[in-house]
């Protein structure tokens, strides 16, 4: 988990930082990242500041996570190693018409995935995974509907027989609908879980094996197209039970 995300997931710390800003006190760089995120999201900030006591409502928890994630996304720009990949990712999104708010949300989602998407120690921060994920953004941002259609057709037509062709068609259509319903984004663990629930679980064993294999092959195609890095590919294949870890 990114250190800024971890720091501001504590409501007391978040509220104290906002109090310091209002009082005109000195703010450290990570605190400035949080107050900038708060300024960009006044509704969530209001929800958080209205909290009394230590037990947060679901709305307050959601507001805190959003603000902390957006603060960590802003903090990436000051990171010696990740600043340049983050700037390139933002530029690619802006070039394709994304607003500042949409860009912030896209980058924040990458950091939330790193923090909570996999079974790993939340006290550590996987820089390499985040760097790779930022590097995926330009190709994803440039992905058009026509390109997605071409990926779909190429994957389906590449099947060696009619039976596998039908399985590939089912799995590709399902994954693209799940992962890219609101536009191309990194395929993540939630997408794979949804795909598994929708198309694989509770099916006969032979059908499960065929669909898992087709899904893994589709992930490999996305990797070859530059839409997925090797770390993401390995982790998602492992979720499917197809080698890798």
C-alpha atoms as a PDB file:
ATOM      1  CA  UNK A   1       0.000   0.000   0.000  1.00  0.00           C
ATOM      2  CA  UNK A   2       1.286   3.449  -0.892  1.00  0.00           C
ATOM      3  CA  UNK A   3       2.425   5.275   2.281  1.00  0.00           C
ATOM      4  CA  UNK A   4       0.168   8.272   1.631  1.00  0.00           C
ATOM      5  CA  UNK A   5      -2.835   6.017   1.126  1.00  0.00           C
ATOM      6  CA  UNK A   6      -2.014   4.174   4.356  1.00  0.00           C
ATOM      7  CA  UNK A   7      -1.529   7.384   6.325  1.00  0.00           C
ATOM      8  CA  UNK A   8      -4.817   8.997   5.400  1.00  0.00           C
ATOM      9  CA  UNK A   9      -6.985   5.922   5.827  1.00  0.00           C
ATOM     10  CA  UNK A  10      -7.063   6.967   9.482  1.00  0.00           C
ATOM     11  CA  UNK A  11      -9.921   9.426   9.984  1.00  0.00           C
ATOM     12  CA  UNK A  12      -8.232  11.275  12.851  1.00  0.00           C
ATOM     13  CA  UNK A  13      -5.128  11.925  10.739  1.00  0.00           C
ATOM     14  CA  UNK A  14      -7.214  13.050   7.764  1.00  0.00           C
ATOM     15  CA  UNK A  15      -9.337  15.419   9.840  1.00  0.00           C
ATOM     16  CA  UNK A  16      -6.322  16.844  11.669  1.00  0.00           C
ATOM     17  CA  UNK A  17      -4.655  17.563   8.334  1.00  0.00           C
ATOM     18  CA  UNK A  18      -7.732  19.445   7.141  1.00  0.00           C
ATOM     19  CA  UNK A  19      -7.810  21.357  10.424  1.00  0.00           C
ATOM     20  CA  UNK A  20      -4.151  22.362   9.950  1.00  0.00           C
ATOM     21  CA  UNK A  21      -4.923  23.613   6.459  1.00  0.00           C
ATOM     22  CA  UNK A  22      -7.855  25.697   7.687  1.00  0.00           C
ATOM     23  CA  UNK A  23      -5.677  27.144  10.443  1.00  0.00           C
ATOM     24  CA  UNK A  24      -2.952  28.071   7.952  1.00  0.00           C
ATOM     25  CA  UNK A  25      -0.394  25.810   9.608  1.00  0.00           C
ATOM     26  CA  UNK A  26       2.605  24.268   7.848  1.00  0.00           C
ATOM     27  CA  UNK A  27       1.762  21.226   5.732  1.00  0.00           C
ATOM     28  CA  UNK A  28       4.198  18.511   4.674  1.00  0.00           C
ATOM     29  CA  UNK A  29       4.126  17.487   0.978  1.00  0.00           C
ATOM     30  CA  UNK A  30       1.937  14.428   1.615  1.00  0.00           C
ATOM     31  CA  UNK A  31      -0.455  16.582   3.653  1.00  0.00           C
ATOM     32  CA  UNK A  32      -0.697  19.019   0.752  1.00  0.00           C
ATOM     33  CA  UNK A  33      -1.553  16.107  -1.532  1.00  0.00           C
ATOM     34  CA  UNK A  34      -4.402  15.223   0.808  1.00  0.00           C
ATOM     35  CA  UNK A  35      -5.741  18.765   1.130  1.00  0.00           C
ATOM     36  CA  UNK A  36      -5.644  19.170  -2.659  1.00  0.00           C
ATOM     37  CA  UNK A  37      -7.644  15.960  -3.021  1.00  0.00           C
ATOM     38  CA  UNK A  38     -10.074  17.220  -0.400  1.00  0.00           C
ATOM     39  CA  UNK A  39     -10.506  20.515  -2.256  1.00  0.00           C
ATOM     40  CA  UNK A  40     -11.295  18.598  -5.450  1.00  0.00           C
ATOM     41  CA  UNK A  41     -13.930  16.505  -3.642  1.00  0.00           C
ATOM     42  CA  UNK A  42     -15.907  18.821  -1.359  1.00  0.00           C
ATOM     43  CA  UNK A  43     -18.819  16.415  -0.862  1.00  0.00           C
ATOM     44  CA  UNK A  44     -16.596  13.623   0.459  1.00  0.00           C
ATOM     45  CA  UNK A  45     -14.686  16.128   2.573  1.00  0.00           C
ATOM     46  CA  UNK A  46     -17.914  17.393   4.103  1.00  0.00           C
ATOM     47  CA  UNK A  47     -19.008  13.832   4.914  1.00  0.00           C
ATOM     48  CA  UNK A  48     -15.684  13.136   6.604  1.00  0.00           C
ATOM     49  CA  UNK A  49     -15.619  16.369   8.611  1.00  0.00           C
ATOM     50  CA  UNK A  50     -19.148  15.745   9.881  1.00  0.00           C
ATOM     51  CA  UNK A  51     -18.050  12.487  11.493  1.00  0.00           C
ATOM     52  CA  UNK A  52     -18.203  12.497  15.267  1.00  0.00           C
ATOM     53  CA  UNK A  53     -16.728   9.664  17.292  1.00  0.00           C
ATOM     54  CA  UNK A  54     -14.503   6.844  16.138  1.00  0.00           C
ATOM     55  CA  UNK A  55     -17.024   4.619  14.329  1.00  0.00           C
ATOM     56  CA  UNK A  56     -17.381   5.603  10.684  1.00  0.00           C
ATOM     57  CA  UNK A  57     -20.534   5.111   8.673  1.00  0.00           C
ATOM     58  CA  UNK A  58     -20.247   3.361   5.324  1.00  0.00           C
ATOM     59  CA  UNK A  59     -20.515   6.752   3.584  1.00  0.00           C
ATOM     60  CA  UNK A  60     -17.730   8.183   5.733  1.00  0.00           C
ATOM     61  CA  UNK A  61     -15.528   5.152   5.121  1.00  0.00           C
ATOM     62  CA  UNK A  62     -16.071   5.448   1.360  1.00  0.00           C
ATOM     63  CA  UNK A  63     -15.285   9.176   1.504  1.00  0.00           C
ATOM     64  CA  UNK A  64     -12.088   8.536   3.463  1.00  0.00           C
ATOM     65  CA  UNK A  65     -10.891   5.854   1.032  1.00  0.00           C
ATOM     66  CA  UNK A  66     -11.594   8.068  -1.968  1.00  0.00           C
ATOM     67  CA  UNK A  67      -9.740  11.046  -0.503  1.00  0.00           C
ATOM     68  CA  UNK A  68      -6.786   8.939   0.619  1.00  0.00           C
ATOM     69  CA  UNK A  69      -6.535   7.223  -2.772  1.00  0.00           C
ATOM     70  CA  UNK A  70      -6.676  10.511  -4.653  1.00  0.00           C
ATOM     71  CA  UNK A  71      -4.067  11.986  -2.317  1.00  0.00           C
ATOM     72  CA  UNK A  72      -1.731   9.085  -3.023  1.00  0.00           C
ATOM     73  CA  UNK A  73      -2.327   9.477  -6.766  1.00  0.00           C
ATOM     74  CA  UNK A  74      -1.276  13.139  -6.528  1.00  0.00           C
ATOM     75  CA  UNK A  75       1.740  12.218  -4.402  1.00  0.00           C
ATOM     76  CA  UNK A  76       3.031   9.950  -7.174  1.00  0.00           C
ATOM     77  CA  UNK A  77       4.003  13.035  -9.151  1.00  0.00           C
ATOM     78  CA  UNK A  78       6.647  13.867  -6.534  1.00  0.00           C
ATOM     79  CA  UNK A  79       8.019  10.329  -6.454  1.00  0.00           C
ATOM     80  CA  UNK A  80      11.539  10.063  -7.857  1.00  0.00           C
ATOM     81  CA  UNK A  81      10.878   6.701  -9.524  1.00  0.00           C
ATOM     82  CA  UNK A  82       7.147   6.820 -10.263  1.00  0.00           C
ATOM     83  CA  UNK A  83       6.714  10.508 -11.061  1.00  0.00           C
ATOM     84  CA  UNK A  84       7.609  10.242 -14.743  1.00  0.00           C
ATOM     85  CA  UNK A  85       5.446   7.134 -15.428  1.00  0.00           C
ATOM     86  CA  UNK A  86       2.586   8.868 -13.617  1.00  0.00           C
ATOM     87  CA  UNK A  87       2.970  11.999 -15.751  1.00  0.00           C
ATOM     88  CA  UNK A  88       3.041   9.942 -18.941  1.00  0.00           C
ATOM     89  CA  UNK A  89      -0.075   8.067 -17.855  1.00  0.00           C
ATOM     90  CA  UNK A  90      -1.887  11.316 -17.081  1.00  0.00           C
ATOM     91  CA  UNK A  91      -0.841  12.840 -20.398  1.00  0.00           C
ATOM     92  CA  UNK A  92      -2.099   9.799 -22.296  1.00  0.00           C
ATOM     93  CA  UNK A  93      -5.473   9.961 -20.566  1.00  0.00           C
ATOM     94  CA  UNK A  94      -5.770  13.708 -21.157  1.00  0.00           C
ATOM     95  CA  UNK A  95      -4.894  13.263 -24.827  1.00  0.00           C
ATOM     96  CA  UNK A  96      -7.826  10.883 -25.180  1.00  0.00           C
ATOM     97  CA  UNK A  97     -10.206  13.394 -23.613  1.00  0.00           C
ATOM     98  CA  UNK A  98     -10.227  12.388 -19.945  1.00  0.00           C
ATOM     99  CA  UNK A  99     -10.986  15.193 -17.498  1.00  0.00           C
ATOM    100  CA  UNK A 100      -8.731  15.926 -14.528  1.00  0.00           C
ATOM    101  CA  UNK A 101     -11.234  14.195 -12.246  1.00  0.00           C
ATOM    102  CA  UNK A 102     -11.365  11.119 -14.484  1.00  0.00           C
ATOM    103  CA  UNK A 103      -7.580  11.024 -14.685  1.00  0.00           C
ATOM    104  CA  UNK A 104      -7.220  11.246 -10.909  1.00  0.00           C
ATOM    105  CA  UNK A 105      -9.759   8.448 -10.480  1.00  0.00           C
ATOM    106  CA  UNK A 106      -7.956   6.230 -12.988  1.00  0.00           C
ATOM    107  CA  UNK A 107      -4.583   6.621 -11.250  1.00  0.00           C
ATOM    108  CA  UNK A 108      -6.172   6.236  -7.814  1.00  0.00           C
ATOM    109  CA  UNK A 109      -7.765   2.948  -8.903  1.00  0.00           C
ATOM    110  CA  UNK A 110      -4.310   1.568  -9.692  1.00  0.00           C
ATOM    111  CA  UNK A 111      -3.129   2.370  -6.180  1.00  0.00           C
ATOM    112  CA  UNK A 112      -6.247   0.861  -4.616  1.00  0.00           C
ATOM    113  CA  UNK A 113      -5.714  -2.293  -6.638  1.00  0.00           C
ATOM    114  CA  UNK A 114      -2.115  -2.564  -5.461  1.00  0.00           C
ATOM    115  CA  UNK A 115      -3.253  -2.072  -1.866  1.00  0.00           C
ATOM    116  CA  UNK A 116      -6.273  -4.350  -1.735  1.00  0.00           C
ATOM    117  CA  UNK A 117      -6.447  -6.401  -4.932  1.00  0.00           C
ATOM    118  CA  UNK A 118      -4.178  -9.260  -3.944  1.00  0.00           C
ATOM    119  CA  UNK A 119      -3.387 -11.325  -0.871  1.00  0.00           C
ATOM    120  CA  UNK A 120      -0.269  -9.508   0.243  1.00  0.00           C
ATOM    121  CA  UNK A 121       1.112  -7.499   3.139  1.00  0.00           C
ATOM    122  CA  UNK A 122      -0.625  -4.120   3.149  1.00  0.00           C
ATOM    123  CA  UNK A 123       2.345  -2.639   4.994  1.00  0.00           C
ATOM    124  CA  UNK A 124       4.528  -3.013   1.902  1.00  0.00           C
ATOM    125  CA  UNK A 125       4.268  -1.040  -1.341  1.00  0.00           C
ATOM    126  CA  UNK A 126       4.851  -2.866  -4.610  1.00  0.00           C
ATOM    127  CA  UNK A 127       6.571  -0.170  -6.621  1.00  0.00           C
ATOM    128  CA  UNK A 128       7.309  -2.418  -9.573  1.00  0.00           C
ATOM    129  CA  UNK A 129       3.674  -3.394  -9.942  1.00  0.00           C
ATOM    130  CA  UNK A 130       2.501   0.212  -9.805  1.00  0.00           C
ATOM    131  CA  UNK A 131       5.203   1.258 -12.267  1.00  0.00           C
ATOM    132  CA  UNK A 132       4.123  -1.488 -14.644  1.00  0.00           C
ATOM    133  CA  UNK A 133       0.456  -0.543 -14.239  1.00  0.00           C
ATOM    134  CA  UNK A 134       1.191   3.099 -15.028  1.00  0.00           C
ATOM    135  CA  UNK A 135       3.065   1.924 -18.097  1.00  0.00           C
ATOM    136  CA  UNK A 136      -0.047   0.100 -19.309  1.00  0.00           C
ATOM    137  CA  UNK A 137      -2.120   3.278 -19.322  1.00  0.00           C
ATOM    138  CA  UNK A 138      -1.068   4.830 -22.670  1.00  0.00           C
ATOM    139  CA  UNK A 139      -2.015   1.689 -24.631  1.00  0.00           C
ATOM    140  CA  UNK A 140      -5.291   1.354 -22.736  1.00  0.00           C
ATOM    141  CA  UNK A 141      -6.142   5.035 -23.161  1.00  0.00           C
ATOM    142  CA  UNK A 142      -5.630   4.779 -26.926  1.00  0.00           C
ATOM    143  CA  UNK A 143      -7.742   1.627 -27.262  1.00  0.00           C
ATOM    144  CA  UNK A 144     -10.749   2.269 -29.496  1.00  0.00           C
ATOM    145  CA  UNK A 145     -13.939   0.275 -29.960  1.00  0.00           C
ATOM    146  CA  UNK A 146     -12.667  -0.779 -33.356  1.00  0.00           C
ATOM    147  CA  UNK A 147      -9.445  -2.043 -31.812  1.00  0.00           C
ATOM    148  CA  UNK A 148     -11.373  -3.979 -29.167  1.00  0.00           C
ATOM    149  CA  UNK A 149     -13.542  -5.525 -31.884  1.00  0.00           C
ATOM    150  CA  UNK A 150     -10.409  -6.516 -33.786  1.00  0.00           C
ATOM    151  CA  UNK A 151      -8.913  -8.088 -30.649  1.00  0.00           C
ATOM    152  CA  UNK A 152     -12.124 -10.009 -30.096  1.00  0.00           C
ATOM    153  CA  UNK A 153     -12.350 -11.304 -33.656  1.00  0.00           C
ATOM    154  CA  UNK A 154      -8.669 -12.188 -33.835  1.00  0.00           C
ATOM    155  CA  UNK A 155      -8.837 -14.140 -30.577  1.00  0.00           C
ATOM    156  CA  UNK A 156     -11.983 -16.035 -31.589  1.00  0.00           C
ATOM    157  CA  UNK A 157     -10.804 -16.831 -35.106  1.00  0.00           C
ATOM    158  CA  UNK A 158      -7.499 -18.099 -33.751  1.00  0.00           C
ATOM    159  CA  UNK A 159      -9.195 -21.091 -32.153  1.00  0.00           C
ATOM    160  CA  UNK A 160      -8.213 -24.466 -33.671  1.00  0.00           C
ATOM    161  CA  UNK A 161     -11.797 -25.807 -33.831  1.00  0.00           C
ATOM    162  CA  UNK A 162     -15.450 -24.823 -33.531  1.00  0.00           C
ATOM    163  CA  UNK A 163     -15.798 -25.970 -29.926  1.00  0.00           C
ATOM    164  CA  UNK A 164     -12.914 -23.855 -28.700  1.00  0.00           C
ATOM    165  CA  UNK A 165     -14.038 -20.994 -30.905  1.00  0.00           C
ATOM    166  CA  UNK A 166     -17.368 -20.892 -29.055  1.00  0.00           C
ATOM    167  CA  UNK A 167     -15.634 -20.978 -25.684  1.00  0.00           C
ATOM    168  CA  UNK A 168     -13.268 -18.170 -26.698  1.00  0.00           C
ATOM    169  CA  UNK A 169     -16.163 -16.073 -27.940  1.00  0.00           C
ATOM    170  CA  UNK A 170     -18.035 -16.514 -24.657  1.00  0.00           C
ATOM    171  CA  UNK A 171     -15.055 -15.700 -22.465  1.00  0.00           C
ATOM    172  CA  UNK A 172     -13.794 -12.755 -24.497  1.00  0.00           C
ATOM    173  CA  UNK A 173     -17.227 -11.175 -24.695  1.00  0.00           C
ATOM    174  CA  UNK A 174     -17.758 -11.670 -20.961  1.00  0.00           C
ATOM    175  CA  UNK A 175     -14.378 -10.266 -19.905  1.00  0.00           C
ATOM    176  CA  UNK A 176     -14.590  -7.241 -22.181  1.00  0.00           C
ATOM    177  CA  UNK A 177     -18.115  -6.493 -20.926  1.00  0.00           C
ATOM    178  CA  UNK A 178     -16.986  -6.792 -17.308  1.00  0.00           C
ATOM    179  CA  UNK A 179     -13.629  -5.009 -17.499  1.00  0.00           C
ATOM    180  CA  UNK A 180     -14.290  -2.417 -20.179  1.00  0.00           C
ATOM    181  CA  UNK A 181     -17.954  -1.585 -19.754  1.00  0.00           C
ATOM    182  CA  UNK A 182     -17.067   2.022 -18.915  1.00  0.00           C
ATOM    183  CA  UNK A 183     -14.001   2.182 -21.145  1.00  0.00           C
ATOM    184  CA  UNK A 184     -10.646   0.377 -21.255  1.00  0.00           C
ATOM    185  CA  UNK A 185      -8.956  -0.002 -17.871  1.00  0.00           C
ATOM    186  CA  UNK A 186      -6.440  -2.455 -16.429  1.00  0.00           C
ATOM    187  CA  UNK A 187      -7.961  -5.907 -16.054  1.00  0.00           C
ATOM    188  CA  UNK A 188      -7.886  -6.468 -12.306  1.00  0.00           C
ATOM    189  CA  UNK A 189      -8.720  -9.149  -9.710  1.00  0.00           C
ATOM    190  CA  UNK A 190     -12.318  -7.948  -9.330  1.00  0.00           C
ATOM    191  CA  UNK A 191     -12.840  -8.442 -13.053  1.00  0.00           C
ATOM    192  CA  UNK A 192     -11.427 -11.980 -12.899  1.00  0.00           C
ATOM    193  CA  UNK A 193     -13.585 -12.828  -9.885  1.00  0.00           C
ATOM    194  CA  UNK A 194     -16.675 -11.532 -11.680  1.00  0.00           C
ATOM    195  CA  UNK A 195     -15.739 -13.495 -14.796  1.00  0.00           C
ATOM    196  CA  UNK A 196     -15.257 -16.652 -12.727  1.00  0.00           C
ATOM    197  CA  UNK A 197     -18.616 -16.228 -10.995  1.00  0.00           C
ATOM    198  CA  UNK A 198     -20.465 -15.483 -14.220  1.00  0.00           C
ATOM    199  CA  UNK A 199     -18.945 -18.033 -16.571  1.00  0.00           C
ATOM    200  CA  UNK A 200     -16.931 -20.689 -14.741  1.00  0.00           C
ATOM    201  CA  UNK A 201     -18.174 -21.548 -11.261  1.00  0.00           C
ATOM    202  CA  UNK A 202     -20.885 -24.207 -10.920  1.00  0.00           C
ATOM    203  CA  UNK A 203     -20.210 -25.483 -14.439  1.00  0.00           C
ATOM    204  CA  UNK A 204     -19.232 -29.107 -15.234  1.00  0.00           C
ATOM    205  CA  UNK A 205     -15.548 -29.773 -14.685  1.00  0.00           C
ATOM    206  CA  UNK A 206     -14.707 -30.171 -18.364  1.00  0.00           C
ATOM    207  CA  UNK A 207     -16.446 -26.907 -19.229  1.00  0.00           C
ATOM    208  CA  UNK A 208     -14.658 -25.131 -16.373  1.00  0.00           C
ATOM    209  CA  UNK A 209     -11.270 -26.297 -17.630  1.00  0.00           C
ATOM    210  CA  UNK A 210     -11.998 -25.143 -21.170  1.00  0.00           C
ATOM    211  CA  UNK A 211     -13.173 -21.726 -20.025  1.00  0.00           C
ATOM    212  CA  UNK A 212     -10.272 -21.195 -17.634  1.00  0.00           C
ATOM    213  CA  UNK A 213      -7.835 -22.092 -20.398  1.00  0.00           C
ATOM    214  CA  UNK A 214      -9.550 -19.711 -22.828  1.00  0.00           C
ATOM    215  CA  UNK A 215      -9.504 -16.893 -20.269  1.00  0.00           C
ATOM    216  CA  UNK A 216      -5.789 -17.430 -19.629  1.00  0.00           C
ATOM    217  CA  UNK A 217      -5.099 -17.377 -23.366  1.00  0.00           C
ATOM    218  CA  UNK A 218      -7.034 -14.123 -23.691  1.00  0.00           C
ATOM    219  CA  UNK A 219      -4.931 -12.541 -20.952  1.00  0.00           C
ATOM    220  CA  UNK A 220      -1.812 -13.569 -22.854  1.00  0.00           C
ATOM    221  CA  UNK A 221      -3.173 -11.903 -25.991  1.00  0.00           C
ATOM    222  CA  UNK A 222      -3.765  -8.683 -24.034  1.00  0.00           C
ATOM    223  CA  UNK A 223      -0.193  -8.883 -22.746  1.00  0.00           C
ATOM    224  CA  UNK A 224       1.193  -9.301 -26.265  1.00  0.00           C
ATOM    225  CA  UNK A 225      -0.761  -6.220 -27.318  1.00  0.00           C
ATOM    226  CA  UNK A 226       0.865  -4.167 -24.553  1.00  0.00           C
ATOM    227  CA  UNK A 227      -2.389  -3.855 -22.607  1.00  0.00           C
ATOM    228  CA  UNK A 228      -1.096  -5.852 -19.654  1.00  0.00           C
ATOM    229  CA  UNK A 229       2.359  -6.184 -18.138  1.00  0.00           C
ATOM    230  CA  UNK A 230       4.051  -9.443 -17.094  1.00  0.00           C
ATOM    231  CA  UNK A 231       3.419  -8.975 -13.366  1.00  0.00           C
ATOM    232  CA  UNK A 232      -0.308  -8.416 -13.902  1.00  0.00           C
ATOM    233  CA  UNK A 233      -0.470 -11.331 -16.330  1.00  0.00           C
ATOM    234  CA  UNK A 234       1.230 -13.648 -13.848  1.00  0.00           C
ATOM    235  CA  UNK A 235      -1.031 -12.664 -10.962  1.00  0.00           C
ATOM    236  CA  UNK A 236      -4.258 -12.909 -12.917  1.00  0.00           C
ATOM    237  CA  UNK A 237      -3.281 -16.263 -14.418  1.00  0.00           C
ATOM    238  CA  UNK A 238      -2.587 -17.485 -10.893  1.00  0.00           C
ATOM    239  CA  UNK A 239      -6.090 -16.418  -9.865  1.00  0.00           C
ATOM    240  CA  UNK A 240      -7.435 -18.605 -12.645  1.00  0.00           C
ATOM    241  CA  UNK A 241      -5.253 -21.507 -11.486  1.00  0.00           C
ATOM    242  CA  UNK A 242      -3.176 -21.382 -14.681  1.00  0.00           C
ATOM    243  CA  UNK A 243       0.458 -21.528 -13.567  1.00  0.00           C
ATOM    244  CA  UNK A 244       2.297 -18.359 -12.482  1.00  0.00           C
ATOM    245  CA  UNK A 245       2.114 -16.822  -9.043  1.00  0.00           C
END
